[in-house]
Amino acid sequence: MYYVSFDENNQINGFFNDQINSLIPDSAIQISDDKWRELSSNPEQYLLQDGQIILSLPQPQSTITPQINWAEFNRNMQSNAAYNQFISDAVDKDAVRRLETLAITLGVTNRQDFNLDDLILLWNMVLASIPTENQPLAFAISEWNQIANQSYMPFEFGTDGSMAIRDNS
């Protein structure tokens, strides 16, 4: 007969055969030959739970999500010629002031739990105030998306320059 024993974490810590081993722990559980072959081939996959030997499925590894880096985002946007032209072309200077105040505040505090809707609203208000002939070009939007990606921003810029929550699907 075969036996299996478990440690304090309910993981397999030994196999025994009464034909070979003279000292079999009292806590060891008797198993069939087939069960011994199954368990001994991958002992790390099995646990003892409520007196039953169960297959323990590996826990999925959590994905580490990098933190949003507001300081990097702000620094790169402020030195971006297309962004500076965007701000300069905006007619609604109050929206510009609010947008930049929010961005600077986020850069100083590096808050991760901010209201993204406020930022999107302000960006899109600035965009809406720019005359049609001065709307951002594709290369500018591409640069902004690159900056946003490098800074792990939860938003992206659409082909028209509008800001929207990033689609991670």
N, C-alpha and C. Protein backbone atom coordinates (compact mmCIF):
# COMPACT_ATOMS: atom_id res chain seq x y z
N MET A 1 0.83 -1.18 0.00
CA MET A 1 0.00 0.00 0.00
C MET A 1 0.87 1.25 0.00
N TYR A 2 0.37 2.29 -0.63
CA TYR A 2 1.04 3.58 -0.66
C TYR A 2 0.34 4.54 0.30
N TYR A 3 1.13 5.50 0.79
CA TYR A 3 0.63 6.53 1.70
C TYR A 3 1.25 7.87 1.28
N VAL A 4 0.52 8.92 1.57
CA VAL A 4 1.02 10.27 1.31
C VAL A 4 0.84 11.09 2.59
N SER A 5 1.83 11.94 2.87
CA SER A 5 1.72 12.82 4.04
C SER A 5 1.78 14.27 3.59
N PHE A 6 1.26 15.13 4.45
CA PHE A 6 1.16 16.56 4.14
C PHE A 6 1.80 17.37 5.25
N ASP A 7 2.33 18.54 4.89
CA ASP A 7 2.94 19.42 5.89
C ASP A 7 1.88 20.35 6.49
N GLU A 8 2.33 21.29 7.32
CA GLU A 8 1.41 22.21 8.00
C GLU A 8 0.70 23.15 7.03
N ASN A 9 1.20 23.28 5.81
CA ASN A 9 0.55 24.10 4.77
C ASN A 9 -0.34 23.27 3.86
N ASN A 10 -0.56 22.01 4.25
CA ASN A 10 -1.41 21.07 3.50
C ASN A 10 -0.84 20.71 2.14
N GLN A 11 0.48 20.82 2.00
CA GLN A 11 1.14 20.42 0.76
C GLN A 11 1.82 19.07 0.98
N ILE A 12 1.93 18.29 -0.08
CA ILE A 12 2.55 16.97 0.01
C ILE A 12 4.01 17.13 0.45
N ASN A 13 4.37 16.34 1.48
CA ASN A 13 5.77 16.38 1.91
C ASN A 13 6.40 14.99 1.98
N GLY A 14 5.66 13.96 1.56
CA GLY A 14 6.27 12.64 1.54
C GLY A 14 5.34 11.55 1.03
N PHE A 15 5.96 10.51 0.45
CA PHE A 15 5.25 9.32 0.00
C PHE A 15 5.85 8.12 0.72
N PHE A 16 5.03 7.15 1.01
CA PHE A 16 5.49 5.97 1.73
C PHE A 16 4.87 4.73 1.11
N ASN A 17 5.61 3.62 1.23
CA ASN A 17 5.13 2.32 0.79
C ASN A 17 5.36 1.36 1.95
N ASP A 18 4.31 0.67 2.38
CA ASP A 18 4.45 -0.19 3.56
C ASP A 18 5.38 -1.37 3.33
N GLN A 19 5.74 -1.65 2.07
CA GLN A 19 6.69 -2.73 1.77
C GLN A 19 8.13 -2.25 1.93
N ILE A 20 8.31 -0.91 1.90
CA ILE A 20 9.65 -0.34 1.96
C ILE A 20 9.88 0.40 3.28
N ASN A 21 8.90 1.20 3.68
CA ASN A 21 9.04 2.06 4.85
C ASN A 21 8.44 1.40 6.09
N SER A 22 9.22 1.33 7.14
CA SER A 22 8.70 0.75 8.38
C SER A 22 8.05 1.81 9.26
N LEU A 23 8.45 3.05 9.10
CA LEU A 23 7.88 4.13 9.90
C LEU A 23 7.03 5.03 8.99
N ILE A 24 5.75 4.82 9.04
CA ILE A 24 4.81 5.64 8.25
C ILE A 24 4.08 6.54 9.24
N PRO A 25 4.09 7.86 9.02
CA PRO A 25 3.42 8.77 9.96
C PRO A 25 1.95 8.40 10.14
N ASP A 26 1.46 8.57 11.37
CA ASP A 26 0.05 8.28 11.65
C ASP A 26 -0.88 9.16 10.83
N SER A 27 -0.41 10.36 10.50
CA SER A 27 -1.26 11.30 9.75
C SER A 27 -1.28 11.01 8.25
N ALA A 28 -0.44 10.07 7.78
CA ALA A 28 -0.38 9.76 6.35
C ALA A 28 -1.70 9.15 5.89
N ILE A 29 -2.06 9.44 4.66
CA ILE A 29 -3.32 8.97 4.07
C ILE A 29 -3.01 7.85 3.09
N GLN A 30 -3.76 6.77 3.22
CA GLN A 30 -3.58 5.63 2.33
C GLN A 30 -4.13 5.98 0.94
N ILE A 31 -3.36 5.63 -0.11
CA ILE A 31 -3.78 5.90 -1.49
C ILE A 31 -3.54 4.67 -2.35
N SER A 32 -4.24 4.61 -3.48
CA SER A 32 -4.09 3.49 -4.42
C SER A 32 -2.81 3.65 -5.24
N ASP A 33 -2.43 2.59 -5.94
CA ASP A 33 -1.26 2.65 -6.82
C ASP A 33 -1.45 3.73 -7.90
N ASP A 34 -2.64 3.79 -8.47
CA ASP A 34 -2.92 4.79 -9.50
C ASP A 34 -2.82 6.21 -8.93
N LYS A 35 -3.37 6.39 -7.74
CA LYS A 35 -3.33 7.71 -7.11
C LYS A 35 -1.88 8.08 -6.78
N TRP A 36 -1.07 7.11 -6.35
CA TRP A 36 0.34 7.36 -6.06
C TRP A 36 1.06 7.86 -7.32
N ARG A 37 0.81 7.20 -8.47
CA ARG A 37 1.43 7.62 -9.73
C ARG A 37 1.01 9.05 -10.09
N GLU A 38 -0.27 9.33 -9.93
CA GLU A 38 -0.79 10.67 -10.25
C GLU A 38 -0.17 11.74 -9.34
N LEU A 39 -0.18 11.50 -8.03
CA LEU A 39 0.32 12.49 -7.08
C LEU A 39 1.83 12.65 -7.15
N SER A 40 2.55 11.55 -7.31
CA SER A 40 4.01 11.62 -7.30
C SER A 40 4.58 12.25 -8.57
N SER A 41 3.79 12.28 -9.64
CA SER A 41 4.29 12.90 -10.87
C SER A 41 4.33 14.42 -10.77
N ASN A 42 3.45 15.01 -9.98
CA ASN A 42 3.40 16.48 -9.79
C ASN A 42 2.92 16.81 -8.38
N PRO A 43 3.69 16.49 -7.36
CA PRO A 43 3.20 16.68 -5.99
C PRO A 43 2.89 18.15 -5.66
N GLU A 44 3.56 19.08 -6.31
CA GLU A 44 3.33 20.49 -6.01
C GLU A 44 1.95 20.97 -6.43
N GLN A 45 1.24 20.17 -7.22
CA GLN A 45 -0.08 20.57 -7.71
C GLN A 45 -1.22 20.13 -6.80
N TYR A 46 -0.91 19.43 -5.72
CA TYR A 46 -1.96 18.87 -4.88
C TYR A 46 -1.90 19.41 -3.46
N LEU A 47 -3.09 19.54 -2.87
CA LEU A 47 -3.24 20.00 -1.49
C LEU A 47 -4.21 19.09 -0.76
N LEU A 48 -4.11 19.10 0.56
CA LEU A 48 -5.08 18.42 1.41
C LEU A 48 -6.06 19.48 1.88
N GLN A 49 -7.33 19.30 1.54
CA GLN A 49 -8.36 20.26 1.95
C GLN A 49 -9.55 19.50 2.50
N ASP A 50 -9.87 19.76 3.75
CA ASP A 50 -10.99 19.10 4.43
C ASP A 50 -10.89 17.58 4.31
N GLY A 51 -9.68 17.05 4.48
CA GLY A 51 -9.47 15.61 4.44
C GLY A 51 -9.43 15.01 3.05
N GLN A 52 -9.59 15.83 2.02
CA GLN A 52 -9.59 15.36 0.64
C GLN A 52 -8.34 15.88 -0.08
N ILE A 53 -7.78 15.05 -0.94
CA ILE A 53 -6.65 15.47 -1.76
C ILE A 53 -7.22 16.12 -3.01
N ILE A 54 -6.86 17.39 -3.20
CA ILE A 54 -7.42 18.13 -4.34
C ILE A 54 -6.31 18.67 -5.22
N LEU A 55 -6.65 18.86 -6.48
CA LEU A 55 -5.74 19.49 -7.43
C LEU A 55 -5.79 20.99 -7.17
N SER A 56 -4.65 21.57 -6.90
CA SER A 56 -4.57 23.00 -6.62
C SER A 56 -4.16 23.70 -7.90
N LEU A 57 -5.08 24.44 -8.47
CA LEU A 57 -4.77 25.16 -9.71
C LEU A 57 -3.87 26.33 -9.38
N PRO A 58 -2.85 26.55 -10.20
CA PRO A 58 -1.95 27.67 -9.92
C PRO A 58 -2.72 28.99 -9.97
N GLN A 59 -2.38 29.87 -9.03
CA GLN A 59 -3.01 31.18 -8.99
C GLN A 59 -2.43 32.02 -10.13
N PRO A 60 -3.30 32.69 -10.86
CA PRO A 60 -2.78 33.54 -11.93
C PRO A 60 -1.90 34.63 -11.33
N GLN A 61 -0.81 34.88 -12.01
CA GLN A 61 0.10 35.92 -11.56
C GLN A 61 -0.54 37.28 -11.82
N SER A 62 -0.55 38.10 -10.80
CA SER A 62 -1.12 39.42 -11.00
C SER A 62 -0.18 40.24 -11.88
N THR A 63 -0.78 41.02 -12.72
CA THR A 63 0.00 41.88 -13.59
C THR A 63 0.31 43.16 -12.83
N ILE A 64 1.55 43.53 -12.85
CA ILE A 64 1.93 44.77 -12.18
C ILE A 64 1.64 45.92 -13.13
N THR A 65 0.77 46.79 -12.67
CA THR A 65 0.42 47.95 -13.47
C THR A 65 1.31 49.10 -13.06
N PRO A 66 2.09 49.62 -13.98
CA PRO A 66 2.96 50.75 -13.61
C PRO A 66 2.13 51.95 -13.17
N GLN A 67 2.67 52.72 -12.28
CA GLN A 67 1.97 53.92 -11.82
C GLN A 67 2.02 55.02 -12.86
N ILE A 68 0.94 55.76 -12.90
CA ILE A 68 0.88 56.94 -13.76
C ILE A 68 1.99 57.89 -13.33
N ASN A 69 2.71 58.42 -14.29
CA ASN A 69 3.81 59.34 -13.98
C ASN A 69 3.46 60.73 -14.49
N TRP A 70 2.77 61.48 -13.63
CA TRP A 70 2.32 62.82 -14.02
C TRP A 70 3.47 63.77 -14.30
N ALA A 71 4.52 63.70 -13.48
CA ALA A 71 5.65 64.63 -13.66
C ALA A 71 6.27 64.44 -15.04
N GLU A 72 6.47 63.20 -15.44
CA GLU A 72 7.05 62.92 -16.77
C GLU A 72 6.11 63.38 -17.87
N PHE A 73 4.82 63.10 -17.70
CA PHE A 73 3.84 63.51 -18.71
C PHE A 73 3.86 65.03 -18.87
N ASN A 74 3.79 65.75 -17.75
CA ASN A 74 3.78 67.22 -17.81
C ASN A 74 5.05 67.77 -18.44
N ARG A 75 6.18 67.25 -18.01
CA ARG A 75 7.48 67.71 -18.54
C ARG A 75 7.54 67.53 -20.06
N ASN A 76 7.13 66.36 -20.53
CA ASN A 76 7.19 66.07 -21.97
C ASN A 76 6.17 66.88 -22.77
N MET A 77 4.99 67.07 -22.19
CA MET A 77 3.99 67.87 -22.91
C MET A 77 4.41 69.34 -22.96
N GLN A 78 4.95 69.86 -21.87
CA GLN A 78 5.36 71.27 -21.84
C GLN A 78 6.49 71.56 -22.81
N SER A 79 7.30 70.56 -23.10
CA SER A 79 8.40 70.78 -24.05
C SER A 79 8.03 70.36 -25.47
N ASN A 80 6.78 69.97 -25.67
CA ASN A 80 6.31 69.53 -26.98
C ASN A 80 5.78 70.74 -27.77
N ALA A 81 6.38 71.00 -28.91
CA ALA A 81 6.00 72.17 -29.72
C ALA A 81 4.53 72.13 -30.13
N ALA A 82 4.03 70.96 -30.49
CA ALA A 82 2.64 70.85 -30.92
C ALA A 82 1.68 71.16 -29.77
N TYR A 83 2.03 70.72 -28.56
CA TYR A 83 1.19 71.03 -27.40
C TYR A 83 1.20 72.54 -27.13
N ASN A 84 2.36 73.15 -27.20
CA ASN A 84 2.44 74.59 -26.97
C ASN A 84 1.64 75.36 -28.02
N GLN A 85 1.63 74.88 -29.25
CA GLN A 85 0.82 75.51 -30.30
C GLN A 85 -0.66 75.30 -30.00
N PHE A 86 -1.01 74.11 -29.54
CA PHE A 86 -2.38 73.76 -29.16
C PHE A 86 -2.90 74.75 -28.11
N ILE A 87 -2.11 74.97 -27.07
CA ILE A 87 -2.49 75.88 -25.99
C ILE A 87 -2.57 77.32 -26.51
N SER A 88 -1.63 77.69 -27.34
CA SER A 88 -1.60 79.05 -27.89
C SER A 88 -2.81 79.32 -28.78
N ASP A 89 -3.23 78.32 -29.56
CA ASP A 89 -4.34 78.48 -30.50
C ASP A 89 -5.71 78.47 -29.81
N ALA A 90 -5.77 77.99 -28.58
CA ALA A 90 -7.06 77.88 -27.89
C ALA A 90 -7.63 79.27 -27.61
N VAL A 91 -8.91 79.43 -27.89
CA VAL A 91 -9.60 80.68 -27.64
C VAL A 91 -10.06 80.74 -26.17
N ASP A 92 -10.47 79.61 -25.62
CA ASP A 92 -10.97 79.54 -24.24
C ASP A 92 -9.79 79.44 -23.27
N LYS A 93 -9.26 80.60 -22.90
CA LYS A 93 -8.08 80.64 -22.02
C LYS A 93 -8.42 80.19 -20.59
N ASP A 94 -9.69 80.33 -20.19
CA ASP A 94 -10.09 79.82 -18.87
C ASP A 94 -9.97 78.29 -18.83
N ALA A 95 -10.39 77.64 -19.90
CA ALA A 95 -10.26 76.17 -19.97
C ALA A 95 -8.79 75.77 -19.98
N VAL A 96 -7.95 76.54 -20.67
CA VAL A 96 -6.51 76.27 -20.69
C VAL A 96 -5.95 76.37 -19.28
N ARG A 97 -6.31 77.45 -18.57
CA ARG A 97 -5.81 77.66 -17.21
C ARG A 97 -6.24 76.52 -16.30
N ARG A 98 -7.51 76.13 -16.39
CA ARG A 98 -8.01 75.02 -15.55
C ARG A 98 -7.31 73.71 -15.89
N LEU A 99 -7.14 73.45 -17.18
CA LEU A 99 -6.46 72.22 -17.62
C LEU A 99 -5.04 72.17 -17.08
N GLU A 100 -4.31 73.24 -17.26
CA GLU A 100 -2.91 73.24 -16.82
C GLU A 100 -2.80 73.24 -15.30
N THR A 101 -3.73 73.88 -14.60
CA THR A 101 -3.72 73.85 -13.14
C THR A 101 -3.95 72.42 -12.65
N LEU A 102 -4.91 71.73 -13.25
CA LEU A 102 -5.17 70.34 -12.86
C LEU A 102 -3.96 69.47 -13.17
N ALA A 103 -3.38 69.63 -14.34
CA ALA A 103 -2.21 68.82 -14.73
C ALA A 103 -1.03 69.07 -13.79
N ILE A 104 -0.79 70.33 -13.44
CA ILE A 104 0.31 70.65 -12.52
C ILE A 104 0.04 70.06 -11.14
N THR A 105 -1.19 70.19 -10.67
CA THR A 105 -1.55 69.62 -9.37
C THR A 105 -1.32 68.12 -9.36
N LEU A 106 -1.73 67.45 -10.41
CA LEU A 106 -1.51 66.01 -10.51
C LEU A 106 -0.02 65.69 -10.58
N GLY A 107 0.75 66.54 -11.25
CA GLY A 107 2.19 66.34 -11.35
C GLY A 107 2.88 66.48 -10.01
N VAL A 108 2.43 67.42 -9.19
CA VAL A 108 3.03 67.65 -7.88
C VAL A 108 2.64 66.54 -6.91
N THR A 109 1.38 66.14 -6.93
CA THR A 109 0.89 65.13 -5.97
C THR A 109 1.06 63.71 -6.48
N ASN A 110 1.17 63.54 -7.79
CA ASN A 110 1.22 62.24 -8.46
C ASN A 110 0.06 61.34 -8.03
N ARG A 111 -1.10 61.95 -7.90
CA ARG A 111 -2.29 61.19 -7.50
C ARG A 111 -2.62 60.15 -8.57
N GLN A 112 -2.99 58.98 -8.08
CA GLN A 112 -3.37 57.89 -8.97
C GLN A 112 -4.89 57.74 -9.02
N ASP A 113 -5.57 58.36 -8.06
CA ASP A 113 -7.02 58.18 -7.91
C ASP A 113 -7.78 59.47 -8.23
N PHE A 114 -7.44 60.10 -9.32
CA PHE A 114 -8.07 61.36 -9.70
C PHE A 114 -9.29 61.10 -10.57
N ASN A 115 -10.08 62.15 -10.76
CA ASN A 115 -11.27 62.04 -11.60
C ASN A 115 -10.87 62.30 -13.05
N LEU A 116 -10.70 61.23 -13.80
CA LEU A 116 -10.26 61.32 -15.19
C LEU A 116 -11.27 62.09 -16.04
N ASP A 117 -12.54 62.00 -15.69
CA ASP A 117 -13.57 62.71 -16.46
C ASP A 117 -13.33 64.22 -16.47
N ASP A 118 -12.85 64.76 -15.35
CA ASP A 118 -12.57 66.20 -15.29
C ASP A 118 -11.47 66.59 -16.26
N LEU A 119 -10.41 65.80 -16.28
CA LEU A 119 -9.28 66.08 -17.18
C LEU A 119 -9.73 65.99 -18.63
N ILE A 120 -10.48 64.95 -18.96
CA ILE A 120 -10.97 64.77 -20.33
C ILE A 120 -11.87 65.94 -20.73
N LEU A 121 -12.76 66.33 -19.83
CA LEU A 121 -13.66 67.45 -20.12
C LEU A 121 -12.87 68.72 -20.41
N LEU A 122 -11.89 69.03 -19.57
CA LEU A 122 -11.10 70.25 -19.77
C LEU A 122 -10.29 70.20 -21.06
N TRP A 123 -9.64 69.05 -21.33
CA TRP A 123 -8.87 68.93 -22.58
C TRP A 123 -9.78 69.16 -23.78
N ASN A 124 -10.92 68.51 -23.77
CA ASN A 124 -11.82 68.60 -24.92
C ASN A 124 -12.46 69.98 -25.04
N MET A 125 -12.60 70.71 -23.91
CA MET A 125 -13.06 72.11 -23.97
C MET A 125 -12.01 72.98 -24.66
N VAL A 126 -10.76 72.76 -24.31
CA VAL A 126 -9.67 73.51 -24.96
C VAL A 126 -9.68 73.20 -26.46
N LEU A 127 -9.76 71.92 -26.80
CA LEU A 127 -9.77 71.50 -28.21
C LEU A 127 -10.93 72.14 -28.97
N ALA A 128 -12.11 72.16 -28.34
CA ALA A 128 -13.29 72.73 -29.01
C ALA A 128 -13.15 74.22 -29.25
N SER A 129 -12.29 74.88 -28.48
CA SER A 129 -12.13 76.33 -28.65
C SER A 129 -11.07 76.70 -29.69
N ILE A 130 -10.45 75.71 -30.29
CA ILE A 130 -9.42 75.98 -31.30
C ILE A 130 -10.10 76.10 -32.67
N PRO A 131 -9.81 77.17 -33.41
CA PRO A 131 -10.40 77.32 -34.74
C PRO A 131 -10.09 76.11 -35.63
N THR A 132 -11.01 75.79 -36.49
CA THR A 132 -10.90 74.62 -37.36
C THR A 132 -9.58 74.57 -38.11
N GLU A 133 -9.13 75.70 -38.62
CA GLU A 133 -7.89 75.71 -39.41
C GLU A 133 -6.64 75.44 -38.57
N ASN A 134 -6.77 75.51 -37.25
CA ASN A 134 -5.62 75.28 -36.37
C ASN A 134 -5.71 73.98 -35.57
N GLN A 135 -6.66 73.14 -35.92
CA GLN A 135 -6.82 71.87 -35.19
C GLN A 135 -5.52 71.06 -35.27
N PRO A 136 -5.22 70.28 -34.23
CA PRO A 136 -3.96 69.51 -34.22
C PRO A 136 -3.88 68.52 -35.38
N LEU A 137 -2.68 68.38 -35.90
CA LEU A 137 -2.42 67.47 -37.02
C LEU A 137 -2.08 66.07 -36.50
N ALA A 138 -2.12 65.11 -37.40
CA ALA A 138 -1.90 63.70 -37.03
C ALA A 138 -0.55 63.48 -36.35
N PHE A 139 0.51 64.15 -36.82
CA PHE A 139 1.82 63.93 -36.22
C PHE A 139 1.84 64.41 -34.76
N ALA A 140 1.12 65.51 -34.47
CA ALA A 140 1.06 66.04 -33.11
C ALA A 140 0.32 65.06 -32.20
N ILE A 141 -0.79 64.55 -32.68
CA ILE A 141 -1.58 63.60 -31.90
C ILE A 141 -0.78 62.33 -31.64
N SER A 142 -0.03 61.90 -32.63
CA SER A 142 0.84 60.73 -32.47
C SER A 142 1.88 60.97 -31.38
N GLU A 143 2.48 62.15 -31.38
CA GLU A 143 3.47 62.50 -30.34
C GLU A 143 2.82 62.49 -28.97
N TRP A 144 1.60 63.05 -28.86
CA TRP A 144 0.91 63.10 -27.56
C TRP A 144 0.60 61.69 -27.07
N ASN A 145 0.18 60.82 -27.99
CA ASN A 145 -0.09 59.44 -27.59
C ASN A 145 1.18 58.74 -27.12
N GLN A 146 2.28 59.03 -27.78
CA GLN A 146 3.56 58.44 -27.36
C GLN A 146 3.93 58.92 -25.96
N ILE A 147 3.76 60.19 -25.70
CA ILE A 147 4.05 60.74 -24.37
C ILE A 147 3.12 60.11 -23.33
N ALA A 148 1.85 60.00 -23.65
CA ALA A 148 0.88 59.40 -22.73
C ALA A 148 1.24 57.94 -22.44
N ASN A 149 1.63 57.20 -23.47
CA ASN A 149 2.01 55.79 -23.28
C ASN A 149 3.24 55.66 -22.40
N GLN A 150 4.24 56.48 -22.65
CA GLN A 150 5.48 56.42 -21.88
C GLN A 150 5.27 56.78 -20.42
N SER A 151 4.23 57.55 -20.14
CA SER A 151 3.95 58.00 -18.77
C SER A 151 2.84 57.18 -18.11
N TYR A 152 2.39 56.12 -18.80
CA TYR A 152 1.38 55.19 -18.29
C TYR A 152 0.04 55.88 -18.00
N MET A 153 -0.34 56.79 -18.86
CA MET A 153 -1.59 57.52 -18.69
C MET A 153 -2.78 56.61 -19.04
N PRO A 154 -3.88 56.77 -18.32
CA PRO A 154 -5.06 55.93 -18.59
C PRO A 154 -5.94 56.49 -19.70
N PHE A 155 -5.41 57.41 -20.46
CA PHE A 155 -6.17 58.00 -21.56
C PHE A 155 -5.33 58.00 -22.82
N GLU A 156 -6.01 58.29 -23.93
CA GLU A 156 -5.34 58.39 -25.23
C GLU A 156 -5.99 59.53 -26.01
N PHE A 157 -5.35 59.89 -27.09
CA PHE A 157 -5.86 60.97 -27.93
C PHE A 157 -6.40 60.36 -29.22
N GLY A 158 -7.62 60.75 -29.57
CA GLY A 158 -8.24 60.26 -30.80
C GLY A 158 -7.66 60.95 -32.02
N THR A 159 -8.05 60.50 -33.18
CA THR A 159 -7.52 61.06 -34.44
C THR A 159 -7.85 62.54 -34.60
N ASP A 160 -8.88 63.00 -33.90
CA ASP A 160 -9.24 64.43 -33.95
C ASP A 160 -8.57 65.24 -32.85
N GLY A 161 -7.75 64.58 -32.01
CA GLY A 161 -7.07 65.27 -30.92
C GLY A 161 -7.81 65.22 -29.61
N SER A 162 -9.02 64.68 -29.63
CA SER A 162 -9.79 64.61 -28.39
C SER A 162 -9.19 63.56 -27.45
N MET A 163 -9.40 63.78 -26.17
CA MET A 163 -8.90 62.86 -25.15
C MET A 163 -10.04 61.93 -24.75
N ALA A 164 -9.71 60.64 -24.56
CA ALA A 164 -10.70 59.65 -24.14
C ALA A 164 -10.02 58.61 -23.27
N ILE A 165 -10.81 57.92 -22.48
CA ILE A 165 -10.28 56.83 -21.66
C ILE A 165 -9.69 55.78 -22.58
N ARG A 166 -8.50 55.31 -22.22
CA ARG A 166 -7.79 54.32 -23.04
C ARG A 166 -8.60 53.03 -23.14
N ASP A 167 -8.69 52.50 -24.33
CA ASP A 167 -9.36 51.22 -24.57
C ASP A 167 -8.30 50.14 -24.48
N ASN A 168 -8.31 49.37 -23.39
CA ASN A 168 -7.29 48.34 -23.17
C ASN A 168 -7.72 46.96 -23.65
N SER A 169 -8.74 46.91 -24.47
CA SER A 169 -9.19 45.58 -24.94
C SER A 169 -8.37 45.08 -26.10
